[in-house]
Amino acid sequence: HPTIDLFCRVMEQFNDGERRAVLKLVTPTPRSPLLGFGTLHPPLSIRDAGGDKERLPSTSTCENLLKLPICKDESALKEKLLYSVLSEAGVSI
């Protein structure tokens, strides 16, 4: 999916602290699982959150679920992710 491809590119651009913050936003812990993401339960998932251009990424931490709005622009997704991480916007339990 194009938005997931953008997400992967944005994550590659982030520094370690920003990556940890995204991980903490989605899974409530800033560290990867000791035995790898394959052991994470429930598994880390990304879901389409629709095409509303104003929508921010949101999460369901109990489900390890990241809901990303459809983005066609890498810089827009990066900005939205950073805003969500820094403000902890869109977190639901």
PDB file of N, CA and C in Angstrom:
ATOM      1  N   HIS A   1       0.848  -1.183   0.000  1.00  0.00           N
ATOM      2  CA  HIS A   1       0.000   0.000   0.000  1.00  0.00           C
ATOM      3  C   HIS A   1       0.890   1.242   0.000  1.00  0.00           C
ATOM      4  N   PRO A   2       0.563   2.244  -0.808  1.00  0.00           N
ATOM      5  CA  PRO A   2       1.418   3.434  -0.919  1.00  0.00           C
ATOM      6  C   PRO A   2       1.655   4.165   0.409  1.00  0.00           C
ATOM      7  N   THR A   3       0.642   4.244   1.263  1.00  0.00           N
ATOM      8  CA  THR A   3       0.823   4.943   2.542  1.00  0.00           C
ATOM      9  C   THR A   3       1.784   4.174   3.451  1.00  0.00           C
ATOM     10  N   ILE A   4       1.735   2.868   3.415  1.00  0.00           N
ATOM     11  CA  ILE A   4       2.670   2.073   4.220  1.00  0.00           C
ATOM     12  C   ILE A   4       4.091   2.233   3.683  1.00  0.00           C
ATOM     13  N   ASP A   5       4.233   2.307   2.353  1.00  0.00           N
ATOM     14  CA  ASP A   5       5.554   2.577   1.772  1.00  0.00           C
ATOM     15  C   ASP A   5       6.083   3.927   2.251  1.00  0.00           C
ATOM     16  N   LEU A   6       5.213   4.944   2.261  1.00  0.00           N
ATOM     17  CA  LEU A   6       5.611   6.263   2.772  1.00  0.00           C
ATOM     18  C   LEU A   6       6.005   6.169   4.240  1.00  0.00           C
ATOM     19  N   PHE A   7       5.224   5.435   5.016  1.00  0.00           N
ATOM     20  CA  PHE A   7       5.516   5.269   6.436  1.00  0.00           C
ATOM     21  C   PHE A   7       6.911   4.667   6.633  1.00  0.00           C
ATOM     22  N   CYS A   8       7.239   3.646   5.870  1.00  0.00           N
ATOM     23  CA  CYS A   8       8.563   3.010   5.987  1.00  0.00           C
ATOM     24  C   CYS A   8       9.671   3.994   5.636  1.00  0.00           C
ATOM     25  N   ARG A   9       9.471   4.787   4.599  1.00  0.00           N
ATOM     26  CA  ARG A   9      10.485   5.788   4.223  1.00  0.00           C
ATOM     27  C   ARG A   9      10.639   6.843   5.308  1.00  0.00           C
ATOM     28  N   VAL A  10       9.529   7.277   5.887  1.00  0.00           N
ATOM     29  CA  VAL A  10       9.580   8.273   6.961  1.00  0.00           C
ATOM     30  C   VAL A  10      10.300   7.691   8.176  1.00  0.00           C
ATOM     31  N   MET A  11       9.998   6.461   8.535  1.00  0.00           N
ATOM     32  CA  MET A  11      10.655   5.837   9.687  1.00  0.00           C
ATOM     33  C   MET A  11      12.164   5.729   9.473  1.00  0.00           C
ATOM     34  N   GLU A  12      12.592   5.497   8.236  1.00  0.00           N
ATOM     35  CA  GLU A  12      14.025   5.446   7.934  1.00  0.00           C
ATOM     36  C   GLU A  12      14.686   6.805   8.145  1.00  0.00           C
ATOM     37  N   GLN A  13      13.934   7.885   7.934  1.00  0.00           N
ATOM     38  CA  GLN A  13      14.468   9.240   8.104  1.00  0.00           C
ATOM     39  C   GLN A  13      14.539   9.654   9.572  1.00  0.00           C
ATOM     40  N   PHE A  14      13.693   9.079  10.395  1.00  0.00           N
ATOM     41  CA  PHE A  14      13.653   9.455  11.810  1.00  0.00           C
ATOM     42  C   PHE A  14      14.933   9.027  12.519  1.00  0.00           C
ATOM     43  N   ASN A  15      15.297   9.804  13.529  1.00  0.00           N
ATOM     44  CA  ASN A  15      16.416   9.391  14.378  1.00  0.00           C
ATOM     45  C   ASN A  15      15.905   8.340  15.371  1.00  0.00           C
ATOM     46  N   ASP A  16      16.817   7.768  16.145  1.00  0.00           N
ATOM     47  CA  ASP A  16      16.425   6.699  17.073  1.00  0.00           C
ATOM     48  C   ASP A  16      15.369   7.147  18.079  1.00  0.00           C
ATOM     49  N   GLY A  17      15.497   8.365  18.582  1.00  0.00           N
ATOM     50  CA  GLY A  17      14.525   8.874  19.548  1.00  0.00           C
ATOM     51  C   GLY A  17      13.135   9.000  18.953  1.00  0.00           C
ATOM     52  N   GLU A  18      13.060   9.461  17.711  1.00  0.00           N
ATOM     53  CA  GLU A  18      11.759   9.587  17.042  1.00  0.00           C
ATOM     54  C   GLU A  18      11.159   8.207  16.773  1.00  0.00           C
ATOM     55  N   ARG A  19      11.996   7.264  16.376  1.00  0.00           N
ATOM     56  CA  ARG A  19      11.496   5.895  16.158  1.00  0.00           C
ATOM     57  C   ARG A  19      10.965   5.291  17.451  1.00  0.00           C
ATOM     58  N   ARG A  20      11.693   5.508  18.551  1.00  0.00           N
ATOM     59  CA  ARG A  20      11.227   5.002  19.849  1.00  0.00           C
ATOM     60  C   ARG A  20       9.895   5.645  20.230  1.00  0.00           C
ATOM     61  N   ALA A  21       9.755   6.937  19.930  1.00  0.00           N
ATOM     62  CA  ALA A  21       8.513   7.639  20.261  1.00  0.00           C
ATOM     63  C   ALA A  21       7.338   7.076  19.462  1.00  0.00           C
ATOM     64  N   VAL A  22       7.557   6.760  18.193  1.00  0.00           N
ATOM     65  CA  VAL A  22       6.493   6.147  17.383  1.00  0.00           C
ATOM     66  C   VAL A  22       6.152   4.772  17.953  1.00  0.00           C
ATOM     67  N   LEU A  23       7.165   4.006  18.287  1.00  0.00           N
ATOM     68  CA  LEU A  23       6.927   2.681  18.867  1.00  0.00           C
ATOM     69  C   LEU A  23       6.142   2.788  20.168  1.00  0.00           C
ATOM     70  N   LYS A  24       6.504   3.759  20.999  1.00  0.00           N
ATOM     71  CA  LYS A  24       5.789   3.953  22.266  1.00  0.00           C
ATOM     72  C   LYS A  24       4.344   4.385  22.023  1.00  0.00           C
ATOM     73  N   LEU A  25       4.127   5.194  20.990  1.00  0.00           N
ATOM     74  CA  LEU A  25       2.773   5.635  20.660  1.00  0.00           C
ATOM     75  C   LEU A  25       1.887   4.441  20.301  1.00  0.00           C
ATOM     76  N   VAL A  26       2.460   3.478  19.585  1.00  0.00           N
ATOM     77  CA  VAL A  26       1.674   2.346  19.092  1.00  0.00           C
ATOM     78  C   VAL A  26       1.587   1.199  20.105  1.00  0.00           C
ATOM     79  N   THR A  27       2.685   0.916  20.806  1.00  0.00           N
ATOM     80  CA  THR A  27       2.735  -0.293  21.638  1.00  0.00           C
ATOM     81  C   THR A  27       2.815  -0.048  23.142  1.00  0.00           C
ATOM     82  N   PRO A  28       2.785   1.159  23.647  1.00  0.00           N
ATOM     83  CA  PRO A  28       3.087   1.702  24.959  1.00  0.00           C
ATOM     84  C   PRO A  28       4.478   1.422  25.517  1.00  0.00           C
ATOM     85  N   THR A  29       5.400   0.891  24.721  1.00  0.00           N
ATOM     86  CA  THR A  29       6.777   0.727  25.184  1.00  0.00           C
ATOM     87  C   THR A  29       7.735   1.273  24.124  1.00  0.00           C
ATOM     88  N   PRO A  30       8.777   1.989  24.527  1.00  0.00           N
ATOM     89  CA  PRO A  30       9.685   2.580  23.546  1.00  0.00           C
ATOM     90  C   PRO A  30      10.743   1.605  23.020  1.00  0.00           C
ATOM     91  N   ARG A  31      10.718   0.382  23.468  1.00  0.00           N
ATOM     92  CA  ARG A  31      11.737  -0.590  23.039  1.00  0.00           C
ATOM     93  C   ARG A  31      11.093  -1.732  22.250  1.00  0.00           C
ATOM     94  N   SER A  32      11.859  -2.242  21.309  1.00  0.00           N
ATOM     95  CA  SER A  32      11.360  -3.392  20.555  1.00  0.00           C
ATOM     96  C   SER A  32      11.344  -4.620  21.472  1.00  0.00           C
ATOM     97  N   PRO A  33      10.468  -5.579  21.197  1.00  0.00           N
ATOM     98  CA  PRO A  33      10.406  -6.782  22.029  1.00  0.00           C
ATOM     99  C   PRO A  33      11.758  -7.505  22.041  1.00  0.00           C
ATOM    100  N   LEU A  34      12.143  -8.025  23.183  1.00  0.00           N
ATOM    101  CA  LEU A  34      13.436  -8.685  23.357  1.00  0.00           C
ATOM    102  C   LEU A  34      13.665  -9.783  22.324  1.00  0.00           C
ATOM    103  N   LEU A  35      12.642 -10.547  22.032  1.00  0.00           N
ATOM    104  CA  LEU A  35      12.767 -11.658  21.082  1.00  0.00           C
ATOM    105  C   LEU A  35      12.293 -11.290  19.679  1.00  0.00           C
ATOM    106  N   GLY A  36      12.097  -9.995  19.412  1.00  0.00           N
ATOM    107  CA  GLY A  36      11.702  -9.531  18.086  1.00  0.00           C
ATOM    108  C   GLY A  36      10.214  -9.260  17.965  1.00  0.00           C
ATOM    109  N   PHE A  37       9.867  -8.546  16.904  1.00  0.00           N
ATOM    110  CA  PHE A  37       8.475  -8.151  16.694  1.00  0.00           C
ATOM    111  C   PHE A  37       7.566  -9.339  16.416  1.00  0.00           C
ATOM    112  N   GLY A  38       8.122 -10.455  15.986  1.00  0.00           N
ATOM    113  CA  GLY A  38       7.321 -11.658  15.766  1.00  0.00           C
ATOM    114  C   GLY A  38       6.690 -12.185  17.040  1.00  0.00           C
ATOM    115  N   THR A  39       7.242 -11.796  18.188  1.00  0.00           N
ATOM    116  CA  THR A  39       6.704 -12.263  19.472  1.00  0.00           C
ATOM    117  C   THR A  39       5.697 -11.285  20.072  1.00  0.00           C
ATOM    118  N   LEU A  40       5.518 -10.146  19.439  1.00  0.00           N
ATOM    119  CA  LEU A  40       4.594  -9.136  19.953  1.00  0.00           C
ATOM    120  C   LEU A  40       3.162  -9.650  19.833  1.00  0.00           C
ATOM    121  N   HIS A  41       2.412  -9.546  20.931  1.00  0.00           N
ATOM    122  CA  HIS A  41       1.024 -10.014  20.906  1.00  0.00           C
ATOM    123  C   HIS A  41       0.110  -8.948  21.490  1.00  0.00           C
ATOM    124  N   PRO A  42      -0.901  -8.522  20.768  1.00  0.00           N
ATOM    125  CA  PRO A  42      -1.171  -8.853  19.379  1.00  0.00           C
ATOM    126  C   PRO A  42      -0.098  -8.258  18.468  1.00  0.00           C
ATOM    127  N   PRO A  43       0.005  -8.772  17.243  1.00  0.00           N
ATOM    128  CA  PRO A  43       1.045  -8.290  16.340  1.00  0.00           C
ATOM    129  C   PRO A  43       0.857  -6.811  15.996  1.00  0.00           C
ATOM    130  N   LEU A  44       1.960  -6.144  15.740  1.00  0.00           N
ATOM    131  CA  LEU A  44       1.926  -4.751  15.307  1.00  0.00           C
ATOM    132  C   LEU A  44       1.204  -4.685  13.966  1.00  0.00           C
ATOM    133  N   SER A  45       0.222  -3.781  13.861  1.00  0.00           N
ATOM    134  CA  SER A  45      -0.583  -3.674  12.644  1.00  0.00           C
ATOM    135  C   SER A  45      -0.719  -2.219  12.237  1.00  0.00           C
ATOM    136  N   ILE A  46      -0.907  -2.017  10.939  1.00  0.00           N
ATOM    137  CA  ILE A  46      -1.188  -0.685  10.404  1.00  0.00           C
ATOM    138  C   ILE A  46      -2.486  -0.788   9.628  1.00  0.00           C
ATOM    139  N   ARG A  47      -3.388   0.162   9.882  1.00  0.00           N
ATOM    140  CA  ARG A  47      -4.695   0.162   9.226  1.00  0.00           C
ATOM    141  C   ARG A  47      -4.927   1.494   8.531  1.00  0.00           C
ATOM    142  N   ASP A  48      -5.674   1.461   7.465  1.00  0.00           N
ATOM    143  CA  ASP A  48      -6.075   2.650   6.721  1.00  0.00           C
ATOM    144  C   ASP A  48      -7.071   3.439   7.561  1.00  0.00           C
ATOM    145  N   ALA A  49      -6.794   4.725   7.754  1.00  0.00           N
ATOM    146  CA  ALA A  49      -7.687   5.574   8.548  1.00  0.00           C
ATOM    147  C   ALA A  49      -8.466   6.552   7.678  1.00  0.00           C
ATOM    148  N   GLY A  50      -8.478   6.335   6.380  1.00  0.00           N
ATOM    149  CA  GLY A  50      -9.264   7.181   5.499  1.00  0.00           C
ATOM    150  C   GLY A  50      -8.462   8.291   4.849  1.00  0.00           C
ATOM    151  N   GLY A  51      -9.144   9.047   4.005  1.00  0.00           N
ATOM    152  CA  GLY A  51      -8.477  10.056   3.195  1.00  0.00           C
ATOM    153  C   GLY A  51      -8.640  11.486   3.649  1.00  0.00           C
ATOM    154  N   ASP A  52      -9.176  11.707   4.841  1.00  0.00           N
ATOM    155  CA  ASP A  52      -9.326  13.069   5.355  1.00  0.00           C
ATOM    156  C   ASP A  52      -7.944  13.696   5.515  1.00  0.00           C
ATOM    157  N   LYS A  53      -7.690  14.773   4.772  1.00  0.00           N
ATOM    158  CA  LYS A  53      -6.364  15.405   4.773  1.00  0.00           C
ATOM    159  C   LYS A  53      -5.992  16.011   6.116  1.00  0.00           C
ATOM    160  N   GLU A  54      -6.961  16.290   6.952  1.00  0.00           N
ATOM    161  CA  GLU A  54      -6.698  16.889   8.265  1.00  0.00           C
ATOM    162  C   GLU A  54      -6.486  15.842   9.356  1.00  0.00           C
ATOM    163  N   ARG A  55      -6.818  14.613   9.076  1.00  0.00           N
ATOM    164  CA  ARG A  55      -6.730  13.554  10.089  1.00  0.00           C
ATOM    165  C   ARG A  55      -5.278  13.253  10.450  1.00  0.00           C
ATOM    166  N   LEU A  56      -5.045  13.050  11.734  1.00  0.00           N
ATOM    167  CA  LEU A  56      -3.722  12.667  12.228  1.00  0.00           C
ATOM    168  C   LEU A  56      -3.655  11.152  12.397  1.00  0.00           C
ATOM    169  N   PRO A  57      -2.455  10.594  12.383  1.00  0.00           N
ATOM    170  CA  PRO A  57      -2.329   9.182  12.734  1.00  0.00           C
ATOM    171  C   PRO A  57      -2.870   8.963  14.146  1.00  0.00           C
ATOM    172  N   SER A  58      -3.492   7.832  14.360  1.00  0.00           N
ATOM    173  CA  SER A  58      -4.015   7.507  15.684  1.00  0.00           C
ATOM    174  C   SER A  58      -3.666   6.054  15.991  1.00  0.00           C
ATOM    175  N   THR A  59      -3.850   5.681  17.243  1.00  0.00           N
ATOM    176  CA  THR A  59      -3.474   4.329  17.647  1.00  0.00           C
ATOM    177  C   THR A  59      -4.516   3.712  18.565  1.00  0.00           C
ATOM    178  N   SER A  60      -4.479   2.410  18.625  1.00  0.00           N
ATOM    179  CA  SER A  60      -5.170   1.632  19.655  1.00  0.00           C
ATOM    180  C   SER A  60      -4.074   0.814  20.315  1.00  0.00           C
ATOM    181  N   THR A  61      -3.577   1.307  21.440  1.00  0.00           N
ATOM    182  CA  THR A  61      -2.392   0.708  22.051  1.00  0.00           C
ATOM    183  C   THR A  61      -2.621  -0.717  22.531  1.00  0.00           C
ATOM    184  N   CYS A  62      -3.818  -1.034  22.987  1.00  0.00           N
ATOM    185  CA  CYS A  62      -4.080  -2.408  23.448  1.00  0.00           C
ATOM    186  C   CYS A  62      -4.004  -3.403  22.294  1.00  0.00           C
ATOM    187  N   GLU A  63      -4.197  -2.901  21.088  1.00  0.00           N
ATOM    188  CA  GLU A  63      -4.168  -3.755  19.903  1.00  0.00           C
ATOM    189  C   GLU A  63      -2.869  -3.609  19.120  1.00  0.00           C
ATOM    190  N   ASN A  64      -1.943  -2.758  19.588  1.00  0.00           N
ATOM    191  CA  ASN A  64      -0.704  -2.471  18.848  1.00  0.00           C
ATOM    192  C   ASN A  64      -1.023  -2.064  17.412  1.00  0.00           C
ATOM    193  N   LEU A  65      -2.015  -1.186  17.280  1.00  0.00           N
ATOM    194  CA  LEU A  65      -2.549  -0.800  15.980  1.00  0.00           C
ATOM    195  C   LEU A  65      -2.272   0.672  15.701  1.00  0.00           C
ATOM    196  N   LEU A  66      -1.659   0.946  14.556  1.00  0.00           N
ATOM    197  CA  LEU A  66      -1.434   2.304  14.077  1.00  0.00           C
ATOM    198  C   LEU A  66      -2.399   2.551  12.930  1.00  0.00           C
ATOM    199  N   LYS A  67      -3.207   3.597  13.062  1.00  0.00           N
ATOM    200  CA  LYS A  67      -4.172   3.949  12.025  1.00  0.00           C
ATOM    201  C   LYS A  67      -3.632   5.175  11.294  1.00  0.00           C
ATOM    202  N   LEU A  68      -3.273   4.988  10.020  1.00  0.00           N
ATOM    203  CA  LEU A  68      -2.671   6.061   9.235  1.00  0.00           C
ATOM    204  C   LEU A  68      -3.663   6.611   8.221  1.00  0.00           C
ATOM    205  N   PRO A  69      -3.781   7.943   8.157  1.00  0.00           N
ATOM    206  CA  PRO A  69      -4.587   8.523   7.089  1.00  0.00           C
ATOM    207  C   PRO A  69      -3.861   8.316   5.759  1.00  0.00           C
ATOM    208  N   ILE A  70      -4.611   8.239   4.695  1.00  0.00           N
ATOM    209  CA  ILE A  70      -4.001   8.091   3.377  1.00  0.00           C
ATOM    210  C   ILE A  70      -3.239   9.373   3.066  1.00  0.00           C
ATOM    211  N   CYS A  71      -1.966   9.236   2.767  1.00  0.00           N
ATOM    212  CA  CYS A  71      -1.115  10.378   2.419  1.00  0.00           C
ATOM    213  C   CYS A  71      -0.424  10.077   1.103  1.00  0.00           C
ATOM    214  N   LYS A  72      -0.283  11.108   0.286  1.00  0.00           N
ATOM    215  CA  LYS A  72       0.439  10.958  -0.968  1.00  0.00           C
ATOM    216  C   LYS A  72       1.768  11.687  -0.915  1.00  0.00           C
ATOM    217  N   ASP A  73       1.990  12.385   0.179  1.00  0.00           N
ATOM    218  CA  ASP A  73       3.171  13.225   0.324  1.00  0.00           C
ATOM    219  C   ASP A  73       3.963  12.790   1.550  1.00  0.00           C
ATOM    220  N   GLU A  74       5.216  12.431   1.333  1.00  0.00           N
ATOM    221  CA  GLU A  74       6.079  11.952   2.416  1.00  0.00           C
ATOM    222  C   GLU A  74       6.239  12.988   3.524  1.00  0.00           C
ATOM    223  N   SER A  75       6.429  14.246   3.145  1.00  0.00           N
ATOM    224  CA  SER A  75       6.635  15.287   4.163  1.00  0.00           C
ATOM    225  C   SER A  75       5.376  15.505   4.999  1.00  0.00           C
ATOM    226  N   ALA A  76       4.204  15.369   4.388  1.00  0.00           N
ATOM    227  CA  ALA A  76       2.954  15.526   5.143  1.00  0.00           C
ATOM    228  C   ALA A  76       2.801  14.403   6.166  1.00  0.00           C
ATOM    229  N   LEU A  77       3.116  13.175   5.769  1.00  0.00           N
ATOM    230  CA  LEU A  77       3.016  12.052   6.705  1.00  0.00           C
ATOM    231  C   LEU A  77       4.032  12.212   7.833  1.00  0.00           C
ATOM    232  N   LYS A  78       5.232  12.642   7.496  1.00  0.00           N
ATOM    233  CA  LYS A  78       6.267  12.851   8.511  1.00  0.00           C
ATOM    234  C   LYS A  78       5.820  13.896   9.526  1.00  0.00           C
ATOM    235  N   GLU A  79       5.282  14.999   9.035  1.00  0.00           N
ATOM    236  CA  GLU A  79       4.805  16.073   9.914  1.00  0.00           C
ATOM    237  C   GLU A  79       3.678  15.579  10.820  1.00  0.00           C
ATOM    238  N   LYS A  80       2.743  14.836  10.253  1.00  0.00           N
ATOM    239  CA  LYS A  80       1.614  14.324  11.041  1.00  0.00           C
ATOM    240  C   LYS A  80       2.069  13.310  12.091  1.00  0.00           C
ATOM    241  N   LEU A  81       2.989  12.444  11.710  1.00  0.00           N
ATOM    242  CA  LEU A  81       3.499  11.463  12.672  1.00  0.00           C
ATOM    243  C   LEU A  81       4.214  12.150  13.825  1.00  0.00           C
ATOM    244  N   LEU A  82       5.071  13.117  13.501  1.00  0.00           N
ATOM    245  CA  LEU A  82       5.792  13.832  14.556  1.00  0.00           C
ATOM    246  C   LEU A  82       4.834  14.579  15.467  1.00  0.00           C
ATOM    247  N   TYR A  83       3.823  15.205  14.884  1.00  0.00           N
ATOM    248  CA  TYR A  83       2.839  15.918  15.702  1.00  0.00           C
ATOM    249  C   TYR A  83       2.125  14.939  16.640  1.00  0.00           C
ATOM    250  N   SER A  84       1.713  13.804  16.105  1.00  0.00           N
ATOM    251  CA  SER A  84       1.017  12.803  16.926  1.00  0.00           C
ATOM    252  C   SER A  84       1.907  12.283  18.043  1.00  0.00           C
ATOM    253  N   VAL A  85       3.166  12.046  17.724  1.00  0.00           N
ATOM    254  CA  VAL A  85       4.107  11.520  18.712  1.00  0.00           C
ATOM    255  C   VAL A  85       4.382  12.550  19.796  1.00  0.00           C
ATOM    256  N   LEU A  86       4.645  13.776  19.400  1.00  0.00           N
ATOM    257  CA  LEU A  86       5.013  14.805  20.369  1.00  0.00           C
ATOM    258  C   LEU A  86       3.844  15.230  21.242  1.00  0.00           C
ATOM    259  N   SER A  87       2.643  15.199  20.689  1.00  0.00           N
ATOM    260  CA  SER A  87       1.476  15.638  21.455  1.00  0.00           C
ATOM    261  C   SER A  87       0.708  14.469  22.059  1.00  0.00           C
ATOM    262  N   GLU A  88       1.083  13.248  21.662  1.00  0.00           N
ATOM    263  CA  GLU A  88       0.352  12.040  22.038  1.00  0.00           C
ATOM    264  C   GLU A  88      -1.114  12.150  21.635  1.00  0.00           C
ATOM    265  N   ALA A  89      -1.341  12.819  20.501  1.00  0.00           N
ATOM    266  CA  ALA A  89      -2.699  12.941  19.958  1.00  0.00           C
ATOM    267  C   ALA A  89      -3.122  11.603  19.365  1.00  0.00           C
ATOM    268  N   GLY A  90      -4.383  11.318  19.430  1.00  0.00           N
ATOM    269  CA  GLY A  90      -4.923  10.139  18.775  1.00  0.00           C
ATOM    270  C   GLY A  90      -4.699   8.829  19.491  1.00  0.00           C
ATOM    271  N   VAL A  91      -4.328   8.870  20.756  1.00  0.00           N
ATOM    272  CA  VAL A  91      -4.096   7.631  21.501  1.00  0.00           C
ATOM    273  C   VAL A  91      -5.399   7.167  22.122  1.00  0.00           C
ATOM    274  N   SER A  92      -5.742   5.931  21.859  1.00  0.00           N
ATOM    275  CA  SER A  92      -6.898   5.340  22.532  1.00  0.00           C
ATOM    276  C   SER A  92      -6.472   4.007  23.121  1.00  0.00           C
ATOM    277  N   ILE A  93      -7.077   3.662  24.229  1.00  0.00           N
ATOM    278  CA  ILE A  93      -6.678   2.429  24.922  1.00  0.00           C
ATOM    279  C   ILE A  93      -7.636   1.310  24.607  1.00  0.00           C
TER     280      ILE A  93
END
